[in-house]
Each structure stands twice: as C-alpha cells, then as structure tokens.
PDB file of N, CA and C in Angstrom:
ATOM      1  N   MET A   1     -11.644  14.561  23.141  1.00  0.00           N
ATOM      2  CA  MET A   1     -11.482  13.420  22.261  1.00  0.00           C
ATOM      3  C   MET A   1     -12.638  12.448  22.503  1.00  0.00           C
ATOM      4  N   PRO A   2     -13.596  12.321  21.589  1.00  0.00           N
ATOM      5  CA  PRO A   2     -14.724  11.419  21.789  1.00  0.00           C
ATOM      6  C   PRO A   2     -14.282   9.961  21.780  1.00  0.00           C
ATOM      7  N   PRO A   3     -14.811   9.147  22.719  1.00  0.00           N
ATOM      8  CA  PRO A   3     -14.383   7.763  22.807  1.00  0.00           C
ATOM      9  C   PRO A   3     -14.737   6.931  21.582  1.00  0.00           C
ATOM     10  N   ASP A   4     -15.875   7.181  20.940  1.00  0.00           N
ATOM     11  CA  ASP A   4     -16.260   6.386  19.779  1.00  0.00           C
ATOM     12  C   ASP A   4     -15.380   6.678  18.570  1.00  0.00           C
ATOM     13  N   ARG A   5     -14.721   7.838  18.563  1.00  0.00           N
ATOM     14  CA  ARG A   5     -13.802   8.164  17.472  1.00  0.00           C
ATOM     15  C   ARG A   5     -12.596   7.224  17.497  1.00  0.00           C
ATOM     16  N   GLY A   6     -12.110   6.921  18.688  1.00  0.00           N
ATOM     17  CA  GLY A   6     -11.007   5.991  18.838  1.00  0.00           C
ATOM     18  C   GLY A   6     -11.405   4.587  18.419  1.00  0.00           C
ATOM     19  N   ALA A   7     -12.635   4.177  18.726  1.00  0.00           N
ATOM     20  CA  ALA A   7     -13.114   2.852  18.329  1.00  0.00           C
ATOM     21  C   ALA A   7     -13.198   2.757  16.817  1.00  0.00           C
ATOM     22  N   GLY A   8     -13.546   3.851  16.163  1.00  0.00           N
ATOM     23  CA  GLY A   8     -13.599   3.872  14.707  1.00  0.00           C
ATOM     24  C   GLY A   8     -12.226   3.677  14.096  1.00  0.00           C
ATOM     25  N   LYS A   9     -11.200   4.167  14.778  1.00  0.00           N
ATOM     26  CA  LYS A   9      -9.826   4.009  14.284  1.00  0.00           C
ATOM     27  C   LYS A   9      -9.442   2.536  14.265  1.00  0.00           C
ATOM     28  N   ASP A  10      -9.880   1.776  15.294  1.00  0.00           N
ATOM     29  CA  ASP A  10      -9.570   0.351  15.329  1.00  0.00           C
ATOM     30  C   ASP A  10     -10.212  -0.371  14.159  1.00  0.00           C
ATOM     31  N   SER A  11     -11.464  -0.041  13.849  1.00  0.00           N
ATOM     32  CA  SER A  11     -12.125  -0.692  12.721  1.00  0.00           C
ATOM     33  C   SER A  11     -11.502  -0.244  11.407  1.00  0.00           C
ATOM     34  N   ASP A  12     -10.997   0.999  11.355  1.00  0.00           N
ATOM     35  CA  ASP A  12     -10.282   1.469  10.166  1.00  0.00           C
ATOM     36  C   ASP A  12      -9.026   0.640   9.944  1.00  0.00           C
ATOM     37  N   SER A  13      -8.313   0.341  11.028  1.00  0.00           N
ATOM     38  CA  SER A  13      -7.089  -0.440  10.918  1.00  0.00           C
ATOM     39  C   SER A  13      -7.376  -1.835  10.385  1.00  0.00           C
ATOM     40  N   VAL A  14      -8.465  -2.434  10.833  1.00  0.00           N
ATOM     41  CA  VAL A  14      -8.849  -3.762  10.354  1.00  0.00           C
ATOM     42  C   VAL A  14      -9.211  -3.694   8.881  1.00  0.00           C
ATOM     43  N   ALA A  15      -9.876  -2.629   8.462  1.00  0.00           N
ATOM     44  CA  ALA A  15     -10.323  -2.490   7.071  1.00  0.00           C
ATOM     45  C   ALA A  15      -9.181  -2.144   6.116  1.00  0.00           C
ATOM     46  N   GLN A  16      -8.028  -1.741   6.626  1.00  0.00           N
ATOM     47  CA  GLN A  16      -6.928  -1.330   5.761  1.00  0.00           C
ATOM     48  C   GLN A  16      -6.481  -2.440   4.824  1.00  0.00           C
ATOM     49  N   GLY A  17      -6.589  -3.678   5.257  1.00  0.00           N
ATOM     50  CA  GLY A  17      -6.220  -4.794   4.401  1.00  0.00           C
ATOM     51  C   GLY A  17      -7.108  -4.906   3.180  1.00  0.00           C
ATOM     52  N   LYS A  18      -8.299  -4.332   3.245  1.00  0.00           N
ATOM     53  CA  LYS A  18      -9.242  -4.389   2.139  1.00  0.00           C
ATOM     54  C   LYS A  18      -9.265  -3.093   1.334  1.00  0.00           C
ATOM     55  N   MET A  19      -8.516  -2.098   1.775  1.00  0.00           N
ATOM     56  CA  MET A  19      -8.482  -0.814   1.076  1.00  0.00           C
ATOM     57  C   MET A  19      -7.804  -0.952  -0.276  1.00  0.00           C
ATOM     58  N   THR A  20      -8.305  -0.210  -1.230  1.00  0.00           N
ATOM     59  CA  THR A  20      -7.598  -0.126  -2.502  1.00  0.00           C
ATOM     60  C   THR A  20      -6.397   0.788  -2.308  1.00  0.00           C
ATOM     61  N   PHE A  21      -5.492   0.765  -3.267  1.00  0.00           N
ATOM     62  CA  PHE A  21      -4.326   1.639  -3.213  1.00  0.00           C
ATOM     63  C   PHE A  21      -4.769   3.097  -3.135  1.00  0.00           C
ATOM     64  N   GLU A  22      -5.741   3.454  -3.953  1.00  0.00           N
ATOM     65  CA  GLU A  22      -6.215   4.843  -4.003  1.00  0.00           C
ATOM     66  C   GLU A  22      -6.847   5.263  -2.682  1.00  0.00           C
ATOM     67  N   GLN A  23      -7.630   4.371  -2.064  1.00  0.00           N
ATOM     68  CA  GLN A  23      -8.244   4.682  -0.774  1.00  0.00           C
ATOM     69  C   GLN A  23      -7.180   4.881   0.301  1.00  0.00           C
ATOM     70  N   ALA A  24      -6.178   4.014   0.296  1.00  0.00           N
ATOM     71  CA  ALA A  24      -5.108   4.123   1.279  1.00  0.00           C
ATOM     72  C   ALA A  24      -4.337   5.425   1.097  1.00  0.00           C
ATOM     73  N   MET A  25      -4.050   5.785  -0.147  1.00  0.00           N
ATOM     74  CA  MET A  25      -3.325   7.033  -0.414  1.00  0.00           C
ATOM     75  C   MET A  25      -4.140   8.248   0.015  1.00  0.00           C
ATOM     76  N   THR A  26      -5.439   8.227  -0.251  1.00  0.00           N
ATOM     77  CA  THR A  26      -6.303   9.347   0.140  1.00  0.00           C
ATOM     78  C   THR A  26      -6.311   9.512   1.654  1.00  0.00           C
ATOM     79  N   ARG A  27      -6.441   8.398   2.376  1.00  0.00           N
ATOM     80  CA  ARG A  27      -6.432   8.446   3.839  1.00  0.00           C
ATOM     81  C   ARG A  27      -5.077   8.930   4.341  1.00  0.00           C
ATOM     82  N   LEU A  28      -4.013   8.452   3.722  1.00  0.00           N
ATOM     83  CA  LEU A  28      -2.664   8.853   4.117  1.00  0.00           C
ATOM     84  C   LEU A  28      -2.465  10.356   3.922  1.00  0.00           C
ATOM     85  N   GLU A  29      -2.947  10.883   2.808  1.00  0.00           N
ATOM     86  CA  GLU A  29      -2.846  12.326   2.552  1.00  0.00           C
ATOM     87  C   GLU A  29      -3.588  13.127   3.610  1.00  0.00           C
ATOM     88  N   LYS A  30      -4.765  12.640   4.038  1.00  0.00           N
ATOM     89  CA  LYS A  30      -5.538  13.339   5.071  1.00  0.00           C
ATOM     90  C   LYS A  30      -4.805  13.316   6.408  1.00  0.00           C
ATOM     91  N   ILE A  31      -4.188  12.178   6.720  1.00  0.00           N
ATOM     92  CA  ILE A  31      -3.431  12.064   7.964  1.00  0.00           C
ATOM     93  C   ILE A  31      -2.263  13.047   7.957  1.00  0.00           C
ATOM     94  N   VAL A  32      -1.505  13.073   6.869  1.00  0.00           N
ATOM     95  CA  VAL A  32      -0.359  13.976   6.758  1.00  0.00           C
ATOM     96  C   VAL A  32      -0.817  15.422   6.907  1.00  0.00           C
ATOM     97  N   GLU A  33      -1.898  15.766   6.240  1.00  0.00           N
ATOM     98  CA  GLU A  33      -2.414  17.133   6.311  1.00  0.00           C
ATOM     99  C   GLU A  33      -2.794  17.517   7.737  1.00  0.00           C
ATOM    100  N   SER A  34      -3.506  16.630   8.438  1.00  0.00           N
ATOM    101  CA  SER A  34      -3.943  16.971   9.792  1.00  0.00           C
ATOM    102  C   SER A  34      -2.765  17.082  10.756  1.00  0.00           C
ATOM    103  N   ILE A  35      -1.758  16.240  10.591  1.00  0.00           N
ATOM    104  CA  ILE A  35      -0.585  16.315  11.459  1.00  0.00           C
ATOM    105  C   ILE A  35       0.217  17.582  11.152  1.00  0.00           C
ATOM    106  N   GLU A  36       0.456  17.857   9.875  1.00  0.00           N
ATOM    107  CA  GLU A  36       1.250  19.031   9.493  1.00  0.00           C
ATOM    108  C   GLU A  36       0.589  20.339   9.910  1.00  0.00           C
ATOM    109  N   GLN A  37      -0.728  20.401   9.833  1.00  0.00           N
ATOM    110  CA  GLN A  37      -1.427  21.639  10.156  1.00  0.00           C
ATOM    111  C   GLN A  37      -1.698  21.781  11.648  1.00  0.00           C
ATOM    112  N   GLY A  38      -1.339  20.762  12.429  1.00  0.00           N
ATOM    113  CA  GLY A  38      -1.527  20.859  13.874  1.00  0.00           C
ATOM    114  C   GLY A  38      -2.986  20.864  14.287  1.00  0.00           C
ATOM    115  N   LYS A  39      -3.840  20.233  13.495  1.00  0.00           N
ATOM    116  CA  LYS A  39      -5.272  20.196  13.793  1.00  0.00           C
ATOM    117  C   LYS A  39      -5.597  19.279  14.969  1.00  0.00           C
ATOM    118  N   ILE A  40      -4.653  18.442  15.352  1.00  0.00           N
ATOM    119  CA  ILE A  40      -4.902  17.447  16.387  1.00  0.00           C
ATOM    120  C   ILE A  40      -3.795  17.511  17.438  1.00  0.00           C
ATOM    121  N   GLY A  41      -4.083  16.952  18.604  1.00  0.00           N
ATOM    122  CA  GLY A  41      -3.120  16.945  19.692  1.00  0.00           C
ATOM    123  C   GLY A  41      -2.041  15.889  19.503  1.00  0.00           C
ATOM    124  N   LEU A  42      -1.118  15.873  20.446  1.00  0.00           N
ATOM    125  CA  LEU A  42       0.022  14.968  20.366  1.00  0.00           C
ATOM    126  C   LEU A  42      -0.398  13.498  20.357  1.00  0.00           C
ATOM    127  N   GLU A  43      -1.264  13.100  21.280  1.00  0.00           N
ATOM    128  CA  GLU A  43      -1.680  11.702  21.355  1.00  0.00           C
ATOM    129  C   GLU A  43      -2.379  11.257  20.078  1.00  0.00           C
ATOM    130  N   GLU A  44      -3.258  12.089  19.565  1.00  0.00           N
ATOM    131  CA  GLU A  44      -3.968  11.752  18.323  1.00  0.00           C
ATOM    132  C   GLU A  44      -2.994  11.755  17.140  1.00  0.00           C
ATOM    133  N   SER A  45      -2.014  12.655  17.182  1.00  0.00           N
ATOM    134  CA  SER A  45      -0.990  12.671  16.128  1.00  0.00           C
ATOM    135  C   SER A  45      -0.221  11.358  16.097  1.00  0.00           C
ATOM    136  N   ILE A  46       0.111  10.847  17.260  1.00  0.00           N
ATOM    137  CA  ILE A  46       0.835   9.579  17.336  1.00  0.00           C
ATOM    138  C   ILE A  46      -0.027   8.443  16.812  1.00  0.00           C
ATOM    139  N   LYS A  47      -1.312   8.423  17.194  1.00  0.00           N
ATOM    140  CA  LYS A  47      -2.224   7.386  16.691  1.00  0.00           C
ATOM    141  C   LYS A  47      -2.336   7.448  15.173  1.00  0.00           C
ATOM    142  N   GLN A  48      -2.474   8.664  14.665  1.00  0.00           N
ATOM    143  CA  GLN A  48      -2.598   8.814  13.217  1.00  0.00           C
ATOM    144  C   GLN A  48      -1.286   8.490  12.506  1.00  0.00           C
ATOM    145  N   PHE A  49      -0.172   8.797  13.145  1.00  0.00           N
ATOM    146  CA  PHE A  49       1.125   8.444  12.567  1.00  0.00           C
ATOM    147  C   PHE A  49       1.238   6.923  12.438  1.00  0.00           C
ATOM    148  N   GLU A  50       0.815   6.211  13.484  1.00  0.00           N
ATOM    149  CA  GLU A  50       0.831   4.750  13.455  1.00  0.00           C
ATOM    150  C   GLU A  50      -0.056   4.222  12.329  1.00  0.00           C
ATOM    151  N   GLU A  51      -1.243   4.803  12.200  1.00  0.00           N
ATOM    152  CA  GLU A  51      -2.149   4.412  11.117  1.00  0.00           C
ATOM    153  C   GLU A  51      -1.501   4.706   9.768  1.00  0.00           C
ATOM    154  N   GLY A  52      -0.859   5.854   9.672  1.00  0.00           N
ATOM    155  CA  GLY A  52      -0.183   6.231   8.432  1.00  0.00           C
ATOM    156  C   GLY A  52       0.917   5.254   8.056  1.00  0.00           C
ATOM    157  N   MET A  53       1.681   4.803   9.031  1.00  0.00           N
ATOM    158  CA  MET A  53       2.741   3.835   8.758  1.00  0.00           C
ATOM    159  C   MET A  53       2.152   2.514   8.263  1.00  0.00           C
ATOM    160  N   SER A  54       1.025   2.129   8.816  1.00  0.00           N
ATOM    161  CA  SER A  54       0.341   0.916   8.360  1.00  0.00           C
ATOM    162  C   SER A  54      -0.152   1.094   6.920  1.00  0.00           C
ATOM    163  N   LEU A  55      -0.640   2.279   6.617  1.00  0.00           N
ATOM    164  CA  LEU A  55      -1.090   2.575   5.256  1.00  0.00           C
ATOM    165  C   LEU A  55       0.070   2.572   4.268  1.00  0.00           C
ATOM    166  N   VAL A  56       1.215   3.070   4.698  1.00  0.00           N
ATOM    167  CA  VAL A  56       2.406   3.055   3.843  1.00  0.00           C
ATOM    168  C   VAL A  56       2.775   1.609   3.514  1.00  0.00           C
ATOM    169  N   GLN A  57       2.739   0.748   4.524  1.00  0.00           N
ATOM    170  CA  GLN A  57       3.024  -0.677   4.297  1.00  0.00           C
ATOM    171  C   GLN A  57       2.029  -1.262   3.303  1.00  0.00           C
ATOM    172  N   ARG A  58       0.762  -0.921   3.452  1.00  0.00           N
ATOM    173  CA  ARG A  58      -0.281  -1.420   2.549  1.00  0.00           C
ATOM    174  C   ARG A  58       0.000  -0.956   1.125  1.00  0.00           C
ATOM    175  N   CYS A  59       0.331   0.312   0.948  1.00  0.00           N
ATOM    176  CA  CYS A  59       0.598   0.849  -0.384  1.00  0.00           C
ATOM    177  C   CYS A  59       1.822   0.181  -1.004  1.00  0.00           C
ATOM    178  N   ARG A  60       2.861   0.002  -0.210  1.00  0.00           N
ATOM    179  CA  ARG A  60       4.070  -0.662  -0.723  1.00  0.00           C
ATOM    180  C   ARG A  60       3.766  -2.093  -1.144  1.00  0.00           C
ATOM    181  N   SER A  61       2.942  -2.770  -0.373  1.00  0.00           N
ATOM    182  CA  SER A  61       2.570  -4.145  -0.694  1.00  0.00           C
ATOM    183  C   SER A  61       1.798  -4.210  -2.007  1.00  0.00           C
ATOM    184  N   VAL A  62       0.848  -3.297  -2.172  1.00  0.00           N
ATOM    185  CA  VAL A  62       0.061  -3.254  -3.411  1.00  0.00           C
ATOM    186  C   VAL A  62       0.965  -2.960  -4.601  1.00  0.00           C
ATOM    187  N   LEU A  63       1.891  -2.011  -4.439  1.00  0.00           N
ATOM    188  CA  LEU A  63       2.817  -1.671  -5.520  1.00  0.00           C
ATOM    189  C   LEU A  63       3.739  -2.845  -5.856  1.00  0.00           C
ATOM    190  N   ALA A  64       4.200  -3.555  -4.844  1.00  0.00           N
ATOM    191  CA  ALA A  64       5.067  -4.709  -5.082  1.00  0.00           C
ATOM    192  C   ALA A  64       4.318  -5.799  -5.847  1.00  0.00           C
ATOM    193  N   GLU A  65       3.049  -6.025  -5.478  1.00  0.00           N
ATOM    194  CA  GLU A  65       2.230  -7.012  -6.188  1.00  0.00           C
ATOM    195  C   GLU A  65       2.018  -6.593  -7.639  1.00  0.00           C
ATOM    196  N   ALA A  66       1.753  -5.320  -7.851  1.00  0.00           N
ATOM    197  CA  ALA A  66       1.546  -4.818  -9.212  1.00  0.00           C
ATOM    198  C   ALA A  66       2.824  -4.963 -10.033  1.00  0.00           C
ATOM    199  N   ASP A  67       3.959  -4.661  -9.425  1.00  0.00           N
ATOM    200  CA  ASP A  67       5.246  -4.790 -10.115  1.00  0.00           C
ATOM    201  C   ASP A  67       5.496  -6.241 -10.516  1.00  0.00           C
ATOM    202  N   LEU A  68       5.201  -7.164  -9.618  1.00  0.00           N
ATOM    203  CA  LEU A  68       5.386  -8.583  -9.912  1.00  0.00           C
ATOM    204  C   LEU A  68       4.483  -9.033 -11.056  1.00  0.00           C
ATOM    205  N   LYS A  69       3.237  -8.575 -11.042  1.00  0.00           N
ATOM    206  CA  LYS A  69       2.309  -8.912 -12.130  1.00  0.00           C
ATOM    207  C   LYS A  69       2.824  -8.393 -13.470  1.00  0.00           C
ATOM    208  N   ILE A  70       3.327  -7.174 -13.470  1.00  0.00           N
ATOM    209  CA  ILE A  70       3.864  -6.586 -14.702  1.00  0.00           C
ATOM    210  C   ILE A  70       5.067  -7.383 -15.187  1.00  0.00           C
ATOM    211  N   GLN A  71       5.947  -7.748 -14.277  1.00  0.00           N
ATOM    212  CA  GLN A  71       7.104  -8.551 -14.657  1.00  0.00           C
ATOM    213  C   GLN A  71       6.675  -9.894 -15.248  1.00  0.00           C
ATOM    214  N   ASN A  72       5.670 -10.519 -14.638  1.00  0.00           N
ATOM    215  CA  ASN A  72       5.170 -11.799 -15.150  1.00  0.00           C
ATOM    216  C   ASN A  72       4.546 -11.647 -16.528  1.00  0.00           C
ATOM    217  N   LEU A  73       3.812 -10.562 -16.727  1.00  0.00           N
ATOM    218  CA  LEU A  73       3.213 -10.312 -18.038  1.00  0.00           C
ATOM    219  C   LEU A  73       4.288 -10.068 -19.089  1.00  0.00           C
ATOM    220  N   GLN A  74       5.291  -9.312 -18.726  1.00  0.00           N
ATOM    221  CA  GLN A  74       6.391  -9.059 -19.661  1.00  0.00           C
ATOM    222  C   GLN A  74       7.147 -10.352 -19.963  1.00  0.00           C
ATOM    223  N   ALA A  75       7.307 -11.194 -18.960  1.00  0.00           N
ATOM    224  CA  ALA A  75       8.013 -12.455 -19.152  1.00  0.00           C
ATOM    225  C   ALA A  75       7.209 -13.408 -20.031  1.00  0.00           C
ATOM    226  N   ALA A  76       5.888 -13.285 -19.996  1.00  0.00           N
ATOM    227  CA  ALA A  76       5.033 -14.151 -20.796  1.00  0.00           C
ATOM    228  C   ALA A  76       5.136 -13.815 -22.275  1.00  0.00           C
ATOM    229  N   GLY A  77       5.540 -12.609 -22.594  1.00  0.00           N
ATOM    230  CA  GLY A  77       5.665 -12.205 -23.990  1.00  0.00           C
ATOM    231  C   GLY A  77       4.317 -11.902 -24.612  1.00  0.00           C
ATOM    232  N   ALA A  78       4.351 -11.493 -25.841  1.00  0.00           N
ATOM    233  CA  ALA A  78       3.145 -11.063 -26.545  1.00  0.00           C
ATOM    234  C   ALA A  78       2.196 -12.221 -26.815  1.00  0.00           C
ATOM    235  N   ASP A  79       2.722 -13.439 -26.994  1.00  0.00           N
ATOM    236  CA  ASP A  79       1.862 -14.573 -27.324  1.00  0.00           C
ATOM    237  C   ASP A  79       1.311 -15.278 -26.089  1.00  0.00           C
ATOM    238  N   GLY A  80       1.673 -14.797 -24.901  1.00  0.00           N
ATOM    239  CA  GLY A  80       1.149 -15.364 -23.679  1.00  0.00           C
ATOM    240  C   GLY A  80       1.893 -16.590 -23.191  1.00  0.00           C
ATOM    241  N   VAL A  81       2.955 -16.961 -23.880  1.00  0.00           N
ATOM    242  CA  VAL A  81       3.760 -18.110 -23.470  1.00  0.00           C
ATOM    243  C   VAL A  81       4.890 -17.609 -22.582  1.00  0.00           C
ATOM    244  N   ALA A  82       5.042 -18.236 -21.436  1.00  0.00           N
ATOM    245  CA  ALA A  82       6.071 -17.801 -20.497  1.00  0.00           C
ATOM    246  C   ALA A  82       7.452 -18.001 -21.088  1.00  0.00           C
ATOM    247  N   ILE A  83       8.277 -16.993 -20.895  1.00  0.00           N
ATOM    248  CA  ILE A  83       9.662 -17.040 -21.348  1.00  0.00           C
ATOM    249  C   ILE A  83      10.527 -17.239 -20.116  1.00  0.00           C
ATOM    250  N   ASP A  84      11.386 -18.247 -20.136  1.00  0.00           N
ATOM    251  CA  ASP A  84      12.296 -18.491 -19.011  1.00  0.00           C
ATOM    252  C   ASP A  84      13.469 -17.541 -19.145  1.00  0.00           C
ATOM    253  N   ARG A  85      13.557 -16.590 -18.243  1.00  0.00           N
ATOM    254  CA  ARG A  85      14.626 -15.589 -18.322  1.00  0.00           C
ATOM    255  C   ARG A  85      15.990 -16.194 -18.038  1.00  0.00           C
ATOM    256  N   GLY A  86      16.038 -17.379 -17.455  1.00  0.00           N
ATOM    257  CA  GLY A  86      17.293 -18.031 -17.151  1.00  0.00           C
ATOM    258  C   GLY A  86      17.949 -18.610 -18.385  1.00  0.00           C
ATOM    259  N   GLU A  87      17.175 -18.850 -19.417  1.00  0.00           N
ATOM    260  CA  GLU A  87      17.729 -19.399 -20.656  1.00  0.00           C
ATOM    261  C   GLU A  87      17.992 -18.268 -21.625  1.00  0.00           C
ATOM    262  N   SER A  88      19.115 -18.321 -22.279  1.00  0.00           N
ATOM    263  CA  SER A  88      19.427 -17.316 -23.285  1.00  0.00           C
ATOM    264  C   SER A  88      19.591 -17.987 -24.621  1.00  0.00           C
ATOM    265  N   ALA A  89      19.575 -17.202 -25.677  1.00  0.00           N
ATOM    266  CA  ALA A  89      19.699 -17.733 -27.037  1.00  0.00           C
ATOM    267  C   ALA A  89      21.049 -18.433 -27.216  1.00  0.00           C
ATOM    268  N   GLY A  90      22.057 -18.009 -26.484  1.00  0.00           N
ATOM    269  CA  GLY A  90      23.392 -18.588 -26.598  1.00  0.00           C
ATOM    270  C   GLY A  90      23.525 -19.916 -25.895  1.00  0.00           C
ATOM    271  N   SER A  91      22.495 -20.362 -25.136  1.00  0.00           N
ATOM    272  CA  SER A  91      22.621 -21.595 -24.387  1.00  0.00           C
ATOM    273  C   SER A  91      22.337 -22.823 -25.255  1.00  0.00           C
ATOM    274  N   GLN A  92      21.873 -22.630 -26.471  1.00  0.00           N
ATOM    275  CA  GLN A  92      21.648 -23.758 -27.359  1.00  0.00           C
ATOM    276  C   GLN A  92      23.002 -24.229 -27.852  1.00  0.00           C
ATOM    277  N   GLY A  93      23.393 -25.428 -27.550  1.00  0.00           N
ATOM    278  CA  GLY A  93      24.742 -25.782 -27.836  1.00  0.00           C
ATOM    279  C   GLY A  93      24.923 -26.619 -28.984  1.00  0.00           C
TER     280      GLY A  93
END
C-alpha cells in the first residue's frame, strides 16, 4: 500500500464537497466495483467504504436540493409568481 495513495484519499474527501452529482456517482461505482471484486485488502476496503458512505451523503444532499428547487419552481407556477400552498380557493370567505 503506497503511502502517497492514502494521502490522495484525504484530499479526495476534502474535494467531495465540490464534486458534482455525476462525479460522486462515478467514484461511488468504482468503489463498489473494487470492493465487490476483492481487488483490495480489508483495510483499504474499509477506507473506501467510508469514502463511499460520504459520497452517498453528498449524492443525497444534491438530490434533496434539486427536489427542493423543483418544488419551488412548481409552486411558482407558469407565470413565475409564487403560489402559497397554504391558501386554497375555498379560503375566500
């Protein structure tokens, strides 16, 4: 296990916050593949599993943000004016 390879993992972890969803998914797929195929030892598998869990969190966060944006766009309606979902047509008294 080369020592500089481990140092690269630390910088990868720092860069994960800046990864796009697609980059995170690609890295996650590579991690899963290497663990499933037994290409790496136990210690490296654990390190990569930890990295993978961090990537999963990143992907979930990106998806949650995208979902919120979509909900806000839908709430704004076609004319771009925000619609208050708490008010209904029946509330006009």
